[in-house]
Protein backbone atom coordinates (compact mmCIF):
# COMPACT_ATOMS: atom_id res chain seq x y z
CA UNK A 1 0.00 0.00 0.00
CA UNK A 2 1.20 3.51 -0.75
CA UNK A 3 2.43 5.64 2.09
CA UNK A 4 0.93 9.02 2.82
CA UNK A 5 3.96 10.94 1.43
CA UNK A 6 3.27 9.37 -1.99
CA UNK A 7 -0.16 11.01 -2.21
CA UNK A 8 -0.42 14.19 -4.30
CA UNK A 9 -1.02 17.29 -2.18
CA UNK A 10 -4.71 17.66 -3.16
CA UNK A 11 -5.39 14.11 -1.99
CA UNK A 12 -3.46 14.79 1.21
CA UNK A 13 -5.78 17.75 1.76
CA UNK A 14 -8.83 15.52 1.23
CA UNK A 15 -7.37 13.01 3.68
CA UNK A 16 -6.70 15.71 6.28
CA UNK A 17 -10.11 17.37 5.90
CA UNK A 18 -11.98 14.07 6.10
CA UNK A 19 -9.89 12.94 9.09
CA UNK A 20 -10.59 16.13 11.00
CA UNK A 21 -14.29 15.94 10.23
CA UNK A 22 -14.32 12.28 11.29
CA UNK A 23 -12.62 13.10 14.60
CA UNK A 24 -15.06 15.90 15.41
CA UNK A 25 -18.13 13.85 14.49
CA UNK A 26 -16.87 10.75 16.29
CA UNK A 27 -16.31 12.73 19.48
CA UNK A 28 -19.70 14.44 19.35
CA UNK A 29 -21.43 11.14 18.59
CA UNK A 30 -19.62 9.39 21.44
CA UNK A 31 -20.66 12.13 23.86
CA UNK A 32 -24.27 11.86 22.69
CA UNK A 33 -24.25 8.07 23.03
CA UNK A 34 -22.76 8.11 26.54
CA UNK A 35 -24.97 10.92 27.83
CA UNK A 36 -28.07 9.95 29.81
CA UNK A 37 -31.30 10.09 27.87
CA UNK A 38 -31.45 10.73 24.15
CA UNK A 39 -29.72 13.78 22.71
CA UNK A 40 -32.13 15.67 20.38
CA UNK A 41 -29.43 15.86 17.69
CA UNK A 42 -28.99 12.10 17.80
CA UNK A 43 -32.73 11.53 17.59
CA UNK A 44 -33.08 13.94 14.65
CA UNK A 45 -31.64 11.49 12.12
CA UNK A 46 -33.20 9.71 9.18
CA UNK A 47 -32.31 6.54 11.06
CA UNK A 48 -35.24 7.35 13.34
CA UNK A 49 -37.50 6.33 10.44
CA UNK A 50 -35.86 2.89 10.20
CA UNK A 51 -36.05 2.32 13.94
CA UNK A 52 -39.66 3.46 14.15
CA UNK A 53 -40.61 1.33 11.13
CA UNK A 54 -39.25 -1.74 12.87
CA UNK A 55 -41.05 -0.85 16.12
CA UNK A 56 -44.34 -0.46 14.29
CA UNK A 57 -43.80 -3.72 12.44
CA UNK A 58 -43.01 -5.64 15.61
CA UNK A 59 -46.02 -4.13 17.39
CA UNK A 60 -48.41 -5.08 14.59
CA UNK A 61 -48.95 -1.50 13.36
CA UNK A 62 -47.03 -1.72 10.11
CA UNK A 63 -49.89 -0.22 8.11
CA UNK A 64 -49.39 3.08 9.93
CA UNK A 65 -46.16 3.45 7.90
CA UNK A 66 -48.17 3.49 4.69
CA UNK A 67 -51.12 5.58 5.80
CA UNK A 68 -51.40 9.38 5.77
CA UNK A 69 -48.21 11.16 6.79
CA UNK A 70 -49.63 12.62 10.01
CA UNK A 71 -50.56 9.14 11.26
CA UNK A 72 -46.95 8.04 11.02
CA UNK A 73 -45.57 11.30 12.39
CA UNK A 74 -47.68 10.93 15.53
CA UNK A 75 -45.71 7.79 16.38
CA UNK A 76 -42.43 9.69 16.03
CA UNK A 77 -43.60 12.44 18.36
CA UNK A 78 -44.85 9.90 20.88
CA UNK A 79 -41.39 8.32 20.87
CA UNK A 80 -39.19 11.43 20.73
CA UNK A 81 -41.31 14.26 22.11
CA UNK A 82 -43.93 16.73 20.98
CA UNK A 83 -41.40 19.13 19.45
CA UNK A 84 -39.78 16.49 17.26
CA UNK A 85 -39.01 17.99 13.82
CA UNK A 86 -40.57 16.89 10.53
CA UNK A 87 -39.75 13.38 9.26
CA UNK A 88 -41.55 11.15 6.79
CA UNK A 89 -41.51 7.55 5.60
CA UNK A 90 -40.56 7.17 1.92
CA UNK A 91 -39.64 3.52 1.30
CA UNK A 92 -41.46 0.57 -0.31
CA UNK A 93 -42.64 -2.34 1.87
CA UNK A 94 -39.74 -4.66 1.04
CA UNK A 95 -37.33 -2.22 2.70
CA UNK A 96 -38.72 -3.59 5.96
CA UNK A 97 -36.89 -6.88 5.37
CA UNK A 98 -33.63 -4.95 5.83
CA UNK A 99 -34.54 -3.01 8.98
CA UNK A 100 -36.97 -5.19 10.94
CA UNK A 101 -34.46 -6.33 13.63
CA UNK A 102 -33.66 -2.74 14.66
CA UNK A 103 -36.77 -2.44 16.80
CA UNK A 104 -35.54 -5.25 19.04
CA UNK A 105 -32.98 -2.81 20.48
CA UNK A 106 -33.04 0.59 22.10
CA UNK A 107 -32.51 3.56 19.81
CA UNK A 108 -28.82 4.07 20.56
CA UNK A 109 -27.91 0.39 20.30
CA UNK A 110 -29.89 0.03 17.08
CA UNK A 111 -28.16 3.06 15.58
CA UNK A 112 -24.72 1.60 16.31
CA UNK A 113 -25.80 -1.77 14.93
CA UNK A 114 -27.09 -0.17 11.73
CA UNK A 115 -23.98 1.93 11.16
CA UNK A 116 -21.66 -0.99 11.85
CA UNK A 117 -23.37 -3.56 9.64
CA UNK A 118 -23.99 -1.27 6.68
CA UNK A 119 -20.55 0.32 7.04
CA UNK A 120 -18.82 -3.06 6.92
CA UNK A 121 -20.94 -4.01 3.89
CA UNK A 122 -19.80 -0.83 2.13
CA UNK A 123 -16.12 -1.47 2.93
CA UNK A 124 -16.26 -4.98 1.47
CA UNK A 125 -18.21 -3.90 -1.63
CA UNK A 126 -15.96 -0.90 -2.28
CA UNK A 127 -12.81 -3.02 -1.97
CA UNK A 128 -14.24 -5.64 -4.34
CA UNK A 129 -15.27 -2.96 -6.83
CA UNK A 130 -11.92 -1.14 -6.85
CA UNK A 131 -10.16 -4.49 -7.20
CA UNK A 132 -6.77 -3.53 -5.78
CA UNK A 133 -5.17 -2.13 -2.67
CA UNK A 134 -4.65 1.58 -3.00
CA UNK A 135 -4.61 4.34 -0.42
CA UNK A 136 -5.79 6.91 -2.94
CA UNK A 137 -8.93 4.88 -3.64
CA UNK A 138 -9.78 4.85 0.06
CA UNK A 139 -9.09 8.58 0.33
CA UNK A 140 -11.66 9.05 -2.45
CA UNK A 141 -14.30 7.38 -0.28
CA UNK A 142 -13.43 9.02 3.05
CA UNK A 143 -15.57 12.19 2.81
CA UNK A 144 -18.63 10.14 1.88
CA UNK A 145 -17.98 7.72 4.73
CA UNK A 146 -17.71 10.60 7.19
CA UNK A 147 -20.86 12.30 5.89
CA UNK A 148 -22.97 9.17 6.07
CA UNK A 149 -21.67 8.43 9.57
CA UNK A 150 -23.08 11.81 10.57
CA UNK A 151 -26.33 11.45 8.63
CA UNK A 152 -26.97 7.83 9.73
CA UNK A 153 -28.78 7.27 6.44
CA UNK A 154 -28.81 4.25 4.13
CA UNK A 155 -25.92 5.56 2.03
CA UNK A 156 -23.56 2.75 3.06
CA UNK A 157 -26.20 0.16 2.27
CA UNK A 158 -27.20 1.47 -1.16
CA UNK A 159 -23.59 2.04 -2.23
CA UNK A 160 -22.72 -1.50 -1.11
CA UNK A 161 -25.59 -2.91 -3.19
CA UNK A 162 -24.69 -0.95 -6.33
CA UNK A 163 -20.90 -1.36 -6.17
CA UNK A 164 -21.23 -4.98 -5.11
CA UNK A 165 -23.44 -5.71 -8.11
CA UNK A 166 -20.91 -4.11 -10.46
CA UNK A 167 -18.04 -6.02 -8.87
CA UNK A 168 -19.81 -9.40 -9.01
CA UNK A 169 -21.61 -9.23 -12.35
CA UNK A 170 -18.91 -11.26 -14.12
CA UNK A 171 -18.15 -14.08 -11.66
CA UNK A 172 -21.30 -14.13 -9.49
CA UNK A 173 -24.10 -12.96 -11.80
CA UNK A 174 -26.94 -14.41 -9.71
CA UNK A 175 -25.71 -12.66 -6.56
CA UNK A 176 -25.17 -9.44 -8.54
CA UNK A 177 -28.77 -9.60 -9.72
CA UNK A 178 -30.00 -10.18 -6.18
CA UNK A 179 -28.13 -7.08 -5.03
CA UNK A 180 -29.78 -5.05 -7.77
CA UNK A 181 -33.14 -6.44 -6.71
CA UNK A 182 -32.48 -5.10 -3.21
CA UNK A 183 -31.39 -1.74 -4.67
CA UNK A 184 -35.02 -1.20 -5.72
CA UNK A 185 -35.49 0.22 -2.23
CA UNK A 186 -34.05 3.32 -3.94
CA UNK A 187 -34.88 2.78 -7.62
CA UNK A 188 -33.63 6.20 -8.69
CA UNK A 189 -30.07 5.01 -8.10
CA UNK A 190 -30.46 2.10 -10.51
CA UNK A 191 -31.86 3.83 -13.60
CA UNK A 192 -28.87 3.06 -15.82
CA UNK A 193 -28.18 -0.51 -14.73
CA UNK A 194 -30.62 -2.18 -17.19
CA UNK A 195 -28.92 -0.49 -20.14
CA UNK A 196 -25.44 -1.40 -18.94
CA UNK A 197 -26.45 -5.03 -18.45
CA UNK A 198 -28.09 -5.22 -21.87
CA UNK A 199 -25.02 -3.71 -23.51
CA UNK A 200 -22.85 -6.32 -21.83
CA UNK A 201 -25.34 -9.11 -22.54
CA UNK A 202 -25.57 -9.98 -18.85
CA UNK A 203 -28.77 -11.93 -19.25
CA UNK A 204 -28.24 -13.94 -16.07
CA UNK A 205 -27.85 -10.78 -14.02
CA UNK A 206 -30.96 -9.29 -15.62
CA UNK A 207 -32.97 -12.43 -14.94
CA UNK A 208 -31.73 -12.63 -11.36
CA UNK A 209 -32.51 -8.94 -10.71
CA UNK A 210 -35.99 -9.28 -12.21
CA UNK A 211 -36.82 -12.43 -10.25
CA UNK A 212 -35.38 -10.99 -7.04
CA UNK A 213 -37.48 -7.85 -7.39
CA UNK A 214 -40.65 -9.86 -7.99
CA UNK A 215 -39.87 -12.16 -5.06
CA UNK A 216 -39.24 -9.21 -2.74
CA UNK A 217 -42.46 -7.50 -3.78
CA UNK A 218 -44.49 -10.71 -3.48
CA UNK A 219 -42.93 -11.74 -0.18
CA UNK A 220 -43.46 -8.30 1.34
CA UNK A 221 -47.12 -8.35 0.28
CA UNK A 222 -47.51 -11.82 1.79
CA UNK A 223 -45.71 -11.01 5.06
CA UNK A 224 -46.78 -7.41 5.66
CA UNK A 225 -50.08 -7.42 3.79
CA UNK A 226 -51.13 -6.28 0.34
CA UNK A 227 -52.47 -3.08 1.91
CA UNK A 228 -48.89 -1.95 2.55
CA UNK A 229 -48.31 -1.75 -1.20
CA UNK A 230 -51.68 -0.10 -1.73
CA UNK A 231 -50.82 2.46 0.92
CA UNK A 232 -47.36 2.94 -0.55
CA UNK A 233 -48.77 4.02 -3.93
CA UNK A 234 -51.77 5.90 -2.55
CA UNK A 235 -50.07 7.76 0.31
CA UNK A 236 -46.28 7.44 0.44
CA UNK A 237 -45.42 8.09 -3.23
CA UNK A 238 -47.70 11.16 -3.62
CA UNK A 239 -46.44 12.62 -0.36
CA UNK A 240 -42.81 12.07 -1.38
CA UNK A 241 -43.51 13.80 -4.69
CA UNK A 242 -44.93 16.71 -2.72
CA UNK A 243 -41.79 16.76 -0.60
CA UNK A 244 -39.65 17.10 -3.73
CA UNK A 245 -41.76 20.02 -4.89
CA UNK A 246 -42.27 21.90 -1.64
CA UNK A 247 -39.15 21.68 0.50
CA UNK A 248 -36.71 24.58 0.46
CA UNK A 249 -33.63 25.66 2.37
CA UNK A 250 -31.30 22.80 3.31
CA UNK A 251 -33.09 20.13 1.28
CA UNK A 252 -32.29 21.38 -2.28
CA UNK A 253 -28.78 22.27 -1.09
CA UNK A 254 -28.29 18.54 -0.45
CA UNK A 255 -29.27 17.56 -4.01
CA UNK A 256 -26.44 17.34 -6.57
CA UNK A 257 -28.75 17.27 -9.62
CA UNK A 258 -29.67 20.14 -11.90
CA UNK A 259 -33.17 19.90 -10.47
CA UNK A 260 -31.76 20.54 -7.01
CA UNK A 261 -29.76 23.52 -8.30
CA UNK A 262 -32.79 25.11 -9.95
CA UNK A 263 -34.98 24.52 -6.90
CA UNK A 264 -32.23 26.06 -4.78
CA UNK A 265 -32.48 29.14 -6.98
CA UNK A 266 -36.22 29.25 -6.23
CA UNK A 267 -37.37 28.04 -9.63
CA UNK A 268 -40.82 26.49 -9.50
CA UNK A 269 -40.82 22.67 -9.26
CA UNK A 270 -42.38 22.12 -12.70
CA UNK A 271 -39.96 24.48 -14.46
CA UNK A 272 -37.01 23.06 -12.52
CA UNK A 273 -37.97 19.54 -13.58
CA UNK A 274 -38.34 20.57 -17.23
CA UNK A 275 -34.91 22.20 -17.21
CA UNK A 276 -33.46 19.17 -15.47
CA UNK A 277 -34.88 16.83 -18.10
CA UNK A 278 -33.50 19.04 -20.86
CA UNK A 279 -30.05 18.31 -19.43
CA UNK A 280 -30.57 14.76 -18.20
CA UNK A 281 -32.13 13.29 -21.35
CA UNK A 282 -29.15 14.02 -23.67
CA UNK A 283 -26.73 12.75 -21.03
CA UNK A 284 -28.75 9.55 -20.69
CA UNK A 285 -28.77 8.99 -24.45
CA UNK A 286 -25.02 9.53 -24.72
CA UNK A 287 -24.28 7.22 -21.79
CA UNK A 288 -26.53 4.45 -23.09
CA UNK A 289 -24.90 4.67 -26.52
CA UNK A 290 -21.49 4.62 -24.85
CA UNK A 291 -22.35 1.42 -22.98
CA UNK A 292 -22.75 -0.36 -26.31
CA UNK A 293 -19.56 1.02 -27.86
CA UNK A 294 -16.95 1.37 -25.14
CA UNK A 295 -14.79 -1.71 -24.68
CA UNK A 296 -13.35 -1.15 -21.20
CA UNK A 297 -15.46 -2.27 -18.27
CA UNK A 298 -14.06 0.33 -15.91
CA UNK A 299 -14.87 3.13 -18.35
CA UNK A 300 -18.48 1.97 -18.46
CA UNK A 301 -18.59 1.75 -14.66
CA UNK A 302 -17.25 5.29 -14.27
CA UNK A 303 -19.79 6.71 -16.70
CA UNK A 304 -22.67 4.89 -15.01
CA UNK A 305 -21.74 6.03 -11.53
CA UNK A 306 -21.24 9.67 -12.51
CA UNK A 307 -24.20 9.95 -14.89
CA UNK A 308 -26.59 8.49 -12.30
CA UNK A 309 -26.36 11.73 -10.32
CA UNK A 310 -26.87 13.86 -13.42
CA UNK A 311 -29.87 11.91 -14.66
CA UNK A 312 -31.86 11.30 -11.50
CA UNK A 313 -33.41 14.47 -10.09
CA UNK A 314 -33.74 13.01 -6.60
CA UNK A 315 -30.49 12.01 -4.96
CA UNK A 316 -28.89 13.48 -1.86
CA UNK A 317 -25.44 13.91 -0.35
CA UNK A 318 -25.56 10.61 1.50
CA UNK A 319 -26.13 8.75 -1.79
CA UNK A 320 -22.70 9.77 -3.08
CA UNK A 321 -21.10 6.46 -2.15
CA UNK A 322 -21.77 5.39 -5.74
CA UNK A 323 -19.82 8.41 -6.97
CA UNK A 324 -16.96 7.48 -4.62
CA UNK A 325 -16.56 4.28 -6.62
CA UNK A 326 -16.08 6.27 -9.83
CA UNK A 327 -13.65 8.65 -8.13
CA UNK A 328 -11.60 5.76 -6.78
CA UNK A 329 -11.25 4.29 -10.27
CA UNK A 330 -10.45 7.66 -11.83
CA UNK A 331 -7.82 8.43 -9.19
CA UNK A 332 -6.10 5.14 -10.01
CA UNK A 333 -6.36 5.73 -13.74
CA UNK A 334 -5.05 9.26 -14.10
CA UNK A 335 -1.35 10.20 -14.42
CA UNK A 336 0.53 11.13 -11.24
CA UNK A 337 1.23 14.59 -9.94
CA UNK A 338 2.28 16.97 -11.47
CA UNK A 339 1.57 15.56 -14.96
CA UNK A 340 -2.12 15.17 -14.16
CA UNK A 341 -2.36 18.30 -12.00
CA UNK A 342 -5.63 19.67 -13.39
CA UNK A 343 -7.40 16.32 -13.21
CA UNK A 344 -6.16 15.55 -9.71
CA UNK A 345 -7.39 18.94 -8.51
CA UNK A 346 -10.79 18.25 -10.06
CA UNK A 347 -10.96 14.79 -8.51
CA UNK A 348 -9.96 16.14 -5.09
CA UNK A 349 -12.77 18.69 -5.30
CA UNK A 350 -15.20 15.95 -6.32
CA UNK A 351 -14.08 13.79 -3.39
CA UNK A 352 -14.93 16.64 -1.00
CA UNK A 353 -18.48 17.09 -2.35
CA UNK A 354 -20.18 15.10 0.44
CA UNK A 355 -18.68 17.48 3.01
CA UNK A 356 -18.72 20.72 1.02
CA UNK A 357 -21.75 20.81 -1.26
CA UNK A 358 -24.30 21.69 1.43
CA UNK A 359 -22.33 24.74 2.54
CA UNK A 360 -21.98 25.91 -1.07
CA UNK A 361 -25.62 25.12 -1.73
CA UNK A 362 -26.73 27.34 1.13
CA UNK A 363 -24.78 30.10 -0.63
CA UNK A 364 -26.74 29.28 -3.82
CA UNK A 365 -23.61 27.91 -5.52
CA UNK A 366 -24.38 24.57 -7.26
CA UNK A 367 -20.91 23.14 -6.70
CA UNK A 368 -21.97 19.51 -7.03
CA UNK A 369 -23.86 20.07 -10.29
CA UNK A 370 -20.89 21.83 -11.88
CA UNK A 371 -18.35 19.27 -10.69
CA UNK A 372 -20.49 16.33 -11.85
CA UNK A 373 -20.74 17.73 -15.36
CA UNK A 374 -17.00 18.37 -15.47
CA UNK A 375 -16.34 14.81 -14.30
CA UNK A 376 -18.73 13.41 -16.86
CA UNK A 377 -17.15 15.30 -19.76
CA UNK A 378 -13.64 14.29 -18.70
CA UNK A 379 -14.65 10.65 -18.23
CA UNK A 380 -16.35 10.62 -21.62
CA UNK A 381 -13.34 12.20 -23.29
CA UNK A 382 -11.02 9.65 -21.70
CA UNK A 383 -12.93 6.83 -23.36
CA UNK A 384 -12.52 8.44 -26.79
CA UNK A 385 -16.24 7.96 -27.34
CA UNK A 386 -18.31 10.12 -29.67
CA UNK A 387 -22.00 9.52 -30.40
CA UNK A 388 -21.21 9.15 -34.11
CA UNK A 389 -18.26 6.79 -34.44
CA UNK A 390 -18.12 3.37 -32.77
CA UNK A 391 -15.00 2.56 -30.81
CA UNK A 392 -15.00 -1.10 -31.72
CA UNK A 393 -15.87 -3.23 -34.71
CA UNK A 394 -19.45 -4.54 -34.63
CA UNK A 395 -18.05 -8.08 -34.30
CA UNK A 396 -15.52 -7.19 -31.60
CA UNK A 397 -15.98 -8.87 -28.25
CA UNK A 398 -16.67 -6.46 -25.42
CA UNK A 399 -14.35 -6.66 -22.44
CA UNK A 400 -16.41 -7.86 -19.46
CA UNK A 401 -13.72 -8.19 -16.82
CA UNK A 402 -14.57 -6.20 -13.68
């Protein structure tokens, strides 16, 4: 493994910034965990939704998750106090298979259990995806890891599912498909996977993902009741759409997409979505065409992981574990300092997005949107792809080695 002195200075800065943030957050979290009672800042996490969902499931009140929002929110205020801030449930019924044991523990113990298990899953998936030991690849993931530790969201879990599927699609296609089936808990992060798999003729992965999704949906309906799915489409999905349209302030500052940038500038939701689609649709078409023409597996992976955050309007800072996979590969691929100075500076800035984009967003500066487009254009240029000229002969065999 490389030593720290071998890292270019921008990566050393990323390492130092992430390490300092990790130390501060670890200390504050430890104080909150050891303090008597429940610190309001510790309770005000998205994890509270997972813990409450499990409690409702274990108490036989699972349908309250999929009823009107105020019905669910009453349970949160009963658990955490009458002044508990706004939270909502936004996941499909089969997400409960992943969180049901949490309610067997107290809030603090469950939080530690969730962070530990999903964090370990991310570490294994990220290592398998990168495919080699490299300090710079781990530096690329550090800011995301720190941010999700603070947010206590499902960022580790979703990144582990996506990166694990990419890493295993060659040698373990059935398992890769099962991971993609589980990723349907956040379907917006998997929009490009079907096109990648079709381009690579991964029919086993496609079949496994399809069957896994159907099994999860059927099993959740059988175990939790068909009314959970009815409530999900009648109550949860419309309310979540309203959330996307109505929330201001911190929420759009956490969104790296063009939609988030326009909403942050106080554009109306319909206009912001139209402008987003005007950007996202061409990017999607270019990426899909590139999947069928680019020979190198890692180039396709990089494009998928970057373009996902350009195409989907609804992704947040704690989803950027997928982007960390692309940054790790790009950091390994680019020439060393100082020959690749401009690219290394850009990558270092991209690595810091999980920690920096909210602060810039509150200043109305769409740092993440700009950096994502720059990354995409550089990654596309590195492949040599153009929409008009194929990079390989029609009869050439596509490289499928992860």
